[in-house]
Amino acid sequence: MEALTGLSIVLIIAIILFLIVFLYFIPIGLFITAYFSGVKLRIFQDLVGMRLRKVPPVIIVRSMITATKAGIVVEVGKLEAHYLAGGEVIKVINALISADKANIDLPFERATAIDLAGRDVLEAVKMSVIPKVIETPL
């Protein structure tokens, strides 16, 4: 009877550890949020893949939700690639939304190129919408 109790404790601990590791690699809450926001993600290929590639799924999924709600179509792989290249994913998405609302043609590739060049792409879009006037003395 005592051996069974010891085995039960080990089994319970093993199950708890498995669940912790499982829920770390598969963010179920994030998947549910994305699903009900209209973002199509694959659990293993997208979310687990992001974890394995050291990409924070929260940044990518929240950016996808923001873009989808604004009517902008972006691919998960492109956002991931931009993040891995050192880009600011959230700023690029916000710039794309601002450009779209201001009727400025700004493709995703151009926005990411501006961002990776070290410029603030959101500030560049704002400058296109409301240009700064610099007065010089005569």
N, C-alpha and C. Protein backbone atom coordinates (compact mmCIF):
# COMPACT_ATOMS: atom_id res chain seq x y z
N MET A 1 0.82 -1.19 0.00
CA MET A 1 0.00 0.00 0.00
C MET A 1 0.86 1.26 0.00
N GLU A 2 1.96 1.24 0.77
CA GLU A 2 2.84 2.40 0.83
C GLU A 2 3.56 2.61 -0.50
N ALA A 3 3.91 1.53 -1.18
CA ALA A 3 4.58 1.64 -2.47
C ALA A 3 3.63 2.26 -3.50
N LEU A 4 2.38 1.91 -3.41
CA LEU A 4 1.39 2.48 -4.32
C LEU A 4 1.22 3.97 -4.08
N THR A 5 1.26 4.39 -2.84
CA THR A 5 1.15 5.80 -2.51
C THR A 5 2.36 6.57 -3.03
N GLY A 6 3.55 6.02 -2.87
CA GLY A 6 4.76 6.66 -3.40
C GLY A 6 4.72 6.76 -4.91
N LEU A 7 4.25 5.70 -5.56
CA LEU A 7 4.12 5.70 -7.02
C LEU A 7 3.07 6.73 -7.46
N SER A 8 2.01 6.85 -6.70
CA SER A 8 0.96 7.83 -7.02
C SER A 8 1.50 9.25 -6.95
N ILE A 9 2.29 9.53 -5.94
CA ILE A 9 2.87 10.87 -5.79
C ILE A 9 3.80 11.19 -6.95
N VAL A 10 4.63 10.23 -7.33
CA VAL A 10 5.54 10.43 -8.46
C VAL A 10 4.75 10.65 -9.74
N LEU A 11 3.69 9.88 -9.92
CA LEU A 11 2.86 10.02 -11.11
C LEU A 11 2.17 11.39 -11.16
N ILE A 12 1.67 11.85 -10.05
CA ILE A 12 1.02 13.17 -9.99
C ILE A 12 2.02 14.28 -10.28
N ILE A 13 3.22 14.18 -9.73
CA ILE A 13 4.26 15.18 -10.00
C ILE A 13 4.64 15.17 -11.47
N ALA A 14 4.75 13.97 -12.06
CA ALA A 14 5.10 13.87 -13.48
C ALA A 14 4.01 14.50 -14.36
N ILE A 15 2.76 14.28 -14.01
CA ILE A 15 1.65 14.85 -14.78
C ILE A 15 1.65 16.37 -14.67
N ILE A 16 1.90 16.89 -13.48
CA ILE A 16 1.95 18.35 -13.28
C ILE A 16 3.09 18.96 -14.08
N LEU A 17 4.26 18.34 -14.06
CA LEU A 17 5.40 18.85 -14.84
C LEU A 17 5.11 18.80 -16.33
N PHE A 18 4.47 17.72 -16.79
CA PHE A 18 4.12 17.61 -18.20
C PHE A 18 3.16 18.73 -18.60
N LEU A 19 2.17 19.01 -17.77
CA LEU A 19 1.21 20.08 -18.07
C LEU A 19 1.87 21.45 -18.11
N ILE A 20 2.81 21.69 -17.20
CA ILE A 20 3.52 22.97 -17.20
C ILE A 20 4.31 23.15 -18.49
N VAL A 21 5.04 22.12 -18.89
CA VAL A 21 5.83 22.19 -20.14
C VAL A 21 4.90 22.31 -21.33
N PHE A 22 3.82 21.55 -21.34
CA PHE A 22 2.86 21.58 -22.45
C PHE A 22 2.24 22.96 -22.60
N LEU A 23 1.81 23.56 -21.50
CA LEU A 23 1.18 24.87 -21.57
C LEU A 23 2.18 25.99 -21.86
N TYR A 24 3.47 25.76 -21.57
CA TYR A 24 4.47 26.75 -21.94
C TYR A 24 4.64 26.78 -23.46
N PHE A 25 4.76 25.61 -24.06
CA PHE A 25 4.99 25.55 -25.50
C PHE A 25 3.74 25.82 -26.32
N ILE A 26 2.58 25.55 -25.77
CA ILE A 26 1.33 25.78 -26.49
C ILE A 26 0.49 26.77 -25.70
N PRO A 27 0.60 28.06 -26.04
CA PRO A 27 -0.20 29.07 -25.33
C PRO A 27 -1.66 29.00 -25.76
N ILE A 28 -2.42 28.19 -25.07
CA ILE A 28 -3.82 27.95 -25.42
C ILE A 28 -4.65 29.24 -25.34
N GLY A 29 -4.42 30.04 -24.30
CA GLY A 29 -5.18 31.29 -24.16
C GLY A 29 -4.95 32.23 -25.33
N LEU A 30 -3.72 32.31 -25.79
CA LEU A 30 -3.39 33.16 -26.93
C LEU A 30 -4.04 32.64 -28.21
N PHE A 31 -4.06 31.32 -28.37
CA PHE A 31 -4.70 30.71 -29.53
C PHE A 31 -6.20 31.00 -29.53
N ILE A 32 -6.84 30.89 -28.38
CA ILE A 32 -8.28 31.16 -28.28
C ILE A 32 -8.58 32.63 -28.59
N THR A 33 -7.75 33.53 -28.06
CA THR A 33 -7.93 34.96 -28.34
C THR A 33 -7.80 35.24 -29.84
N ALA A 34 -6.80 34.65 -30.47
CA ALA A 34 -6.60 34.84 -31.91
C ALA A 34 -7.77 34.27 -32.70
N TYR A 35 -8.23 33.10 -32.32
CA TYR A 35 -9.32 32.44 -33.04
C TYR A 35 -10.59 33.30 -33.01
N PHE A 36 -10.94 33.81 -31.84
CA PHE A 36 -12.15 34.61 -31.74
C PHE A 36 -11.98 36.01 -32.29
N SER A 37 -10.76 36.41 -32.60
CA SER A 37 -10.51 37.70 -33.24
C SER A 37 -10.45 37.58 -34.76
N GLY A 38 -10.57 36.37 -35.26
CA GLY A 38 -10.58 36.15 -36.70
C GLY A 38 -9.22 35.87 -37.30
N VAL A 39 -8.22 35.64 -36.47
CA VAL A 39 -6.87 35.34 -36.96
C VAL A 39 -6.73 33.83 -37.04
N LYS A 40 -6.34 33.34 -38.20
CA LYS A 40 -6.19 31.90 -38.40
C LYS A 40 -4.75 31.49 -38.09
N LEU A 41 -4.59 30.74 -37.02
CA LEU A 41 -3.28 30.23 -36.61
C LEU A 41 -3.35 28.72 -36.49
N ARG A 42 -2.20 28.10 -36.70
CA ARG A 42 -2.08 26.66 -36.45
C ARG A 42 -1.32 26.49 -35.15
N ILE A 43 -1.83 25.68 -34.27
CA ILE A 43 -1.23 25.56 -32.94
C ILE A 43 0.21 25.10 -33.02
N PHE A 44 0.45 23.98 -33.66
CA PHE A 44 1.80 23.42 -33.63
C PHE A 44 2.74 24.14 -34.59
N GLN A 45 2.31 24.38 -35.80
CA GLN A 45 3.22 24.98 -36.78
C GLN A 45 3.52 26.44 -36.46
N ASP A 46 2.54 27.19 -36.01
CA ASP A 46 2.76 28.61 -35.75
C ASP A 46 3.19 28.87 -34.31
N LEU A 47 2.36 28.53 -33.35
CA LEU A 47 2.63 28.90 -31.96
C LEU A 47 3.80 28.13 -31.36
N VAL A 48 3.82 26.82 -31.52
CA VAL A 48 4.95 26.03 -30.99
C VAL A 48 6.21 26.37 -31.77
N GLY A 49 6.08 26.56 -33.07
CA GLY A 49 7.23 26.94 -33.88
C GLY A 49 7.84 28.25 -33.44
N MET A 50 7.00 29.21 -33.06
CA MET A 50 7.52 30.49 -32.56
C MET A 50 8.32 30.28 -31.28
N ARG A 51 7.81 29.47 -30.39
CA ARG A 51 8.55 29.19 -29.15
C ARG A 51 9.90 28.56 -29.45
N LEU A 52 9.92 27.61 -30.38
CA LEU A 52 11.17 26.93 -30.70
C LEU A 52 12.16 27.85 -31.41
N ARG A 53 11.64 28.84 -32.15
CA ARG A 53 12.51 29.80 -32.84
C ARG A 53 12.83 31.02 -31.99
N LYS A 54 12.42 31.00 -30.71
CA LYS A 54 12.68 32.08 -29.75
C LYS A 54 12.01 33.39 -30.16
N VAL A 55 10.82 33.28 -30.74
CA VAL A 55 10.02 34.45 -31.09
C VAL A 55 8.86 34.50 -30.10
N PRO A 56 8.67 35.63 -29.40
CA PRO A 56 7.55 35.69 -28.45
C PRO A 56 6.21 35.69 -29.18
N PRO A 57 5.41 34.64 -28.98
CA PRO A 57 4.13 34.56 -29.69
C PRO A 57 3.19 35.71 -29.36
N VAL A 58 3.30 36.28 -28.18
CA VAL A 58 2.39 37.37 -27.79
C VAL A 58 2.54 38.55 -28.73
N ILE A 59 3.77 38.92 -29.06
CA ILE A 59 4.01 40.07 -29.95
C ILE A 59 3.43 39.81 -31.33
N ILE A 60 3.70 38.64 -31.88
CA ILE A 60 3.25 38.33 -33.24
C ILE A 60 1.73 38.21 -33.29
N VAL A 61 1.15 37.48 -32.33
CA VAL A 61 -0.30 37.25 -32.36
C VAL A 61 -1.06 38.54 -32.10
N ARG A 62 -0.62 39.34 -31.16
CA ARG A 62 -1.31 40.62 -30.90
C ARG A 62 -1.21 41.54 -32.11
N SER A 63 -0.07 41.53 -32.79
CA SER A 63 0.08 42.34 -34.01
C SER A 63 -0.83 41.82 -35.11
N MET A 64 -0.94 40.50 -35.22
CA MET A 64 -1.85 39.92 -36.21
C MET A 64 -3.30 40.30 -35.92
N ILE A 65 -3.68 40.28 -34.65
CA ILE A 65 -5.05 40.66 -34.27
C ILE A 65 -5.31 42.12 -34.61
N THR A 66 -4.36 42.99 -34.28
CA THR A 66 -4.50 44.42 -34.58
C THR A 66 -4.65 44.64 -36.08
N ALA A 67 -3.80 43.99 -36.87
CA ALA A 67 -3.85 44.14 -38.33
C ALA A 67 -5.16 43.60 -38.89
N THR A 68 -5.59 42.45 -38.42
CA THR A 68 -6.83 41.85 -38.91
C THR A 68 -8.03 42.73 -38.60
N LYS A 69 -8.07 43.25 -37.39
CA LYS A 69 -9.19 44.12 -37.01
C LYS A 69 -9.20 45.42 -37.82
N ALA A 70 -8.03 45.85 -38.30
CA ALA A 70 -7.94 47.07 -39.11
C ALA A 70 -8.14 46.77 -40.60
N GLY A 71 -8.29 45.50 -40.95
CA GLY A 71 -8.52 45.14 -42.35
C GLY A 71 -7.25 44.98 -43.16
N ILE A 72 -6.13 44.79 -42.51
CA ILE A 72 -4.85 44.63 -43.21
C ILE A 72 -4.45 43.16 -43.15
N VAL A 73 -4.08 42.61 -44.30
CA VAL A 73 -3.71 41.21 -44.37
C VAL A 73 -2.19 41.09 -44.30
N VAL A 74 -1.70 40.41 -43.28
CA VAL A 74 -0.27 40.11 -43.15
C VAL A 74 -0.13 38.64 -42.80
N GLU A 75 1.01 38.09 -43.15
CA GLU A 75 1.26 36.68 -42.89
C GLU A 75 2.08 36.53 -41.61
N VAL A 76 1.81 35.46 -40.90
CA VAL A 76 2.53 35.18 -39.65
C VAL A 76 4.02 35.03 -39.93
N GLY A 77 4.35 34.33 -40.99
CA GLY A 77 5.76 34.10 -41.32
C GLY A 77 6.53 35.38 -41.59
N LYS A 78 5.88 36.34 -42.24
CA LYS A 78 6.55 37.61 -42.53
C LYS A 78 6.78 38.42 -41.26
N LEU A 79 5.80 38.40 -40.35
CA LEU A 79 5.99 39.10 -39.08
C LEU A 79 7.10 38.46 -38.26
N GLU A 80 7.13 37.13 -38.27
CA GLU A 80 8.18 36.41 -37.56
C GLU A 80 9.55 36.73 -38.14
N ALA A 81 9.65 36.73 -39.46
CA ALA A 81 10.92 37.03 -40.11
C ALA A 81 11.38 38.44 -39.79
N HIS A 82 10.44 39.37 -39.75
CA HIS A 82 10.80 40.76 -39.42
C HIS A 82 11.28 40.86 -37.98
N TYR A 83 10.63 40.16 -37.07
CA TYR A 83 11.08 40.16 -35.67
C TYR A 83 12.48 39.56 -35.56
N LEU A 84 12.70 38.44 -36.23
CA LEU A 84 14.02 37.79 -36.17
C LEU A 84 15.11 38.64 -36.80
N ALA A 85 14.74 39.51 -37.73
CA ALA A 85 15.71 40.41 -38.35
C ALA A 85 16.01 41.61 -37.48
N GLY A 86 15.31 41.73 -36.35
CA GLY A 86 15.56 42.84 -35.43
C GLY A 86 14.61 44.00 -35.59
N GLY A 87 13.51 43.78 -36.27
CA GLY A 87 12.55 44.86 -36.51
C GLY A 87 11.54 45.02 -35.40
N GLU A 88 10.89 46.18 -35.40
CA GLU A 88 9.83 46.50 -34.45
C GLU A 88 8.49 46.15 -35.08
N VAL A 89 7.99 44.97 -34.77
CA VAL A 89 6.77 44.46 -35.40
C VAL A 89 5.57 45.35 -35.09
N ILE A 90 5.43 45.75 -33.85
CA ILE A 90 4.26 46.54 -33.45
C ILE A 90 4.25 47.89 -34.15
N LYS A 91 5.41 48.53 -34.26
CA LYS A 91 5.48 49.83 -34.95
C LYS A 91 5.16 49.69 -36.44
N VAL A 92 5.61 48.61 -37.05
CA VAL A 92 5.33 48.39 -38.48
C VAL A 92 3.83 48.21 -38.69
N ILE A 93 3.19 47.43 -37.85
CA ILE A 93 1.74 47.22 -37.99
C ILE A 93 0.99 48.53 -37.77
N ASN A 94 1.37 49.29 -36.76
CA ASN A 94 0.72 50.58 -36.52
C ASN A 94 0.94 51.54 -37.69
N ALA A 95 2.13 51.50 -38.29
CA ALA A 95 2.40 52.35 -39.45
C ALA A 95 1.56 51.92 -40.65
N LEU A 96 1.42 50.61 -40.85
CA LEU A 96 0.58 50.13 -41.95
C LEU A 96 -0.88 50.55 -41.76
N ILE A 97 -1.35 50.50 -40.53
CA ILE A 97 -2.73 50.92 -40.25
C ILE A 97 -2.88 52.42 -40.49
N SER A 98 -1.93 53.21 -40.01
CA SER A 98 -1.98 54.67 -40.22
C SER A 98 -1.93 55.02 -41.70
N ALA A 99 -1.06 54.35 -42.44
CA ALA A 99 -0.95 54.61 -43.87
C ALA A 99 -2.23 54.21 -44.59
N ASP A 100 -2.82 53.10 -44.20
CA ASP A 100 -4.06 52.65 -44.83
C ASP A 100 -5.19 53.64 -44.57
N LYS A 101 -5.29 54.13 -43.36
CA LYS A 101 -6.36 55.07 -43.02
C LYS A 101 -6.15 56.44 -43.69
N ALA A 102 -4.89 56.77 -44.01
CA ALA A 102 -4.59 58.04 -44.67
C ALA A 102 -4.51 57.88 -46.19
N ASN A 103 -4.90 56.72 -46.70
CA ASN A 103 -4.86 56.42 -48.14
C ASN A 103 -3.46 56.57 -48.73
N ILE A 104 -2.46 56.15 -47.99
CA ILE A 104 -1.08 56.14 -48.47
C ILE A 104 -0.73 54.70 -48.82
N ASP A 105 -0.20 54.50 -50.01
CA ASP A 105 0.19 53.16 -50.44
C ASP A 105 1.51 52.79 -49.77
N LEU A 106 1.46 51.90 -48.81
CA LEU A 106 2.65 51.46 -48.10
C LEU A 106 2.60 49.94 -47.98
N PRO A 107 3.30 49.24 -48.88
CA PRO A 107 3.32 47.78 -48.79
C PRO A 107 4.10 47.31 -47.56
N PHE A 108 3.81 46.11 -47.11
CA PHE A 108 4.47 45.56 -45.93
C PHE A 108 5.98 45.51 -46.12
N GLU A 109 6.43 45.13 -47.30
CA GLU A 109 7.87 45.02 -47.56
C GLU A 109 8.57 46.36 -47.42
N ARG A 110 7.94 47.43 -47.91
CA ARG A 110 8.55 48.76 -47.81
C ARG A 110 8.58 49.22 -46.35
N ALA A 111 7.50 48.95 -45.62
CA ALA A 111 7.45 49.34 -44.21
C ALA A 111 8.54 48.62 -43.41
N THR A 112 8.72 47.34 -43.68
CA THR A 112 9.76 46.60 -42.95
C THR A 112 11.15 47.06 -43.37
N ALA A 113 11.31 47.43 -44.64
CA ALA A 113 12.62 47.93 -45.09
C ALA A 113 12.96 49.24 -44.40
N ILE A 114 11.99 50.13 -44.28
CA ILE A 114 12.21 51.40 -43.58
C ILE A 114 12.57 51.14 -42.12
N ASP A 115 11.85 50.21 -41.50
CA ASP A 115 12.10 49.88 -40.10
C ASP A 115 13.49 49.27 -39.91
N LEU A 116 13.87 48.36 -40.77
CA LEU A 116 15.18 47.72 -40.64
C LEU A 116 16.32 48.66 -40.98
N ALA A 117 16.02 49.73 -41.71
CA ALA A 117 17.04 50.73 -42.02
C ALA A 117 17.33 51.64 -40.83
N GLY A 118 16.56 51.46 -39.76
CA GLY A 118 16.81 52.25 -38.56
C GLY A 118 15.91 53.45 -38.40
N ARG A 119 15.01 53.66 -39.34
CA ARG A 119 14.08 54.78 -39.24
C ARG A 119 12.82 54.34 -38.51
N ASP A 120 12.16 55.28 -37.88
CA ASP A 120 10.88 55.01 -37.23
C ASP A 120 9.80 55.09 -38.30
N VAL A 121 9.30 53.93 -38.72
CA VAL A 121 8.37 53.88 -39.84
C VAL A 121 7.04 54.56 -39.48
N LEU A 122 6.63 54.49 -38.25
CA LEU A 122 5.39 55.16 -37.84
C LEU A 122 5.56 56.68 -37.92
N GLU A 123 6.71 57.17 -37.51
CA GLU A 123 6.99 58.61 -37.61
C GLU A 123 7.07 59.04 -39.07
N ALA A 124 7.62 58.19 -39.94
CA ALA A 124 7.69 58.50 -41.37
C ALA A 124 6.29 58.63 -41.97
N VAL A 125 5.39 57.76 -41.57
CA VAL A 125 4.01 57.85 -42.06
C VAL A 125 3.34 59.11 -41.54
N LYS A 126 3.56 59.43 -40.29
CA LYS A 126 2.98 60.65 -39.72
C LYS A 126 3.52 61.89 -40.43
N MET A 127 4.80 61.87 -40.80
CA MET A 127 5.39 63.00 -41.54
C MET A 127 4.76 63.13 -42.92
N SER A 128 4.37 62.01 -43.52
CA SER A 128 3.72 62.06 -44.83
C SER A 128 2.31 62.64 -44.71
N VAL A 129 1.66 62.35 -43.60
CA VAL A 129 0.29 62.83 -43.40
C VAL A 129 0.29 64.30 -43.00
N ILE A 130 1.10 64.64 -42.00
CA ILE A 130 1.19 66.02 -41.51
C ILE A 130 2.65 66.45 -41.58
N PRO A 131 3.07 67.05 -42.69
CA PRO A 131 4.48 67.44 -42.81
C PRO A 131 4.85 68.56 -41.84
N LYS A 132 6.05 68.49 -41.32
CA LYS A 132 6.54 69.55 -40.44
C LYS A 132 7.05 70.71 -41.29
N VAL A 133 6.71 71.89 -40.87
CA VAL A 133 7.18 73.09 -41.56
C VAL A 133 8.33 73.67 -40.74
N ILE A 134 9.46 73.79 -41.38
CA ILE A 134 10.63 74.35 -40.70
C ILE A 134 10.85 75.75 -41.24
N GLU A 135 10.74 76.72 -40.36
CA GLU A 135 10.94 78.11 -40.78
C GLU A 135 12.41 78.48 -40.62
N THR A 136 12.93 79.14 -41.64
CA THR A 136 14.32 79.58 -41.59
C THR A 136 14.35 81.10 -41.64
N PRO A 137 15.30 81.70 -40.95
CA PRO A 137 15.39 83.17 -41.00
C PRO A 137 15.88 83.62 -42.38
N LEU A 138 15.39 84.77 -42.80
CA LEU A 138 15.79 85.30 -44.11
C LEU A 138 17.02 86.08 -44.02
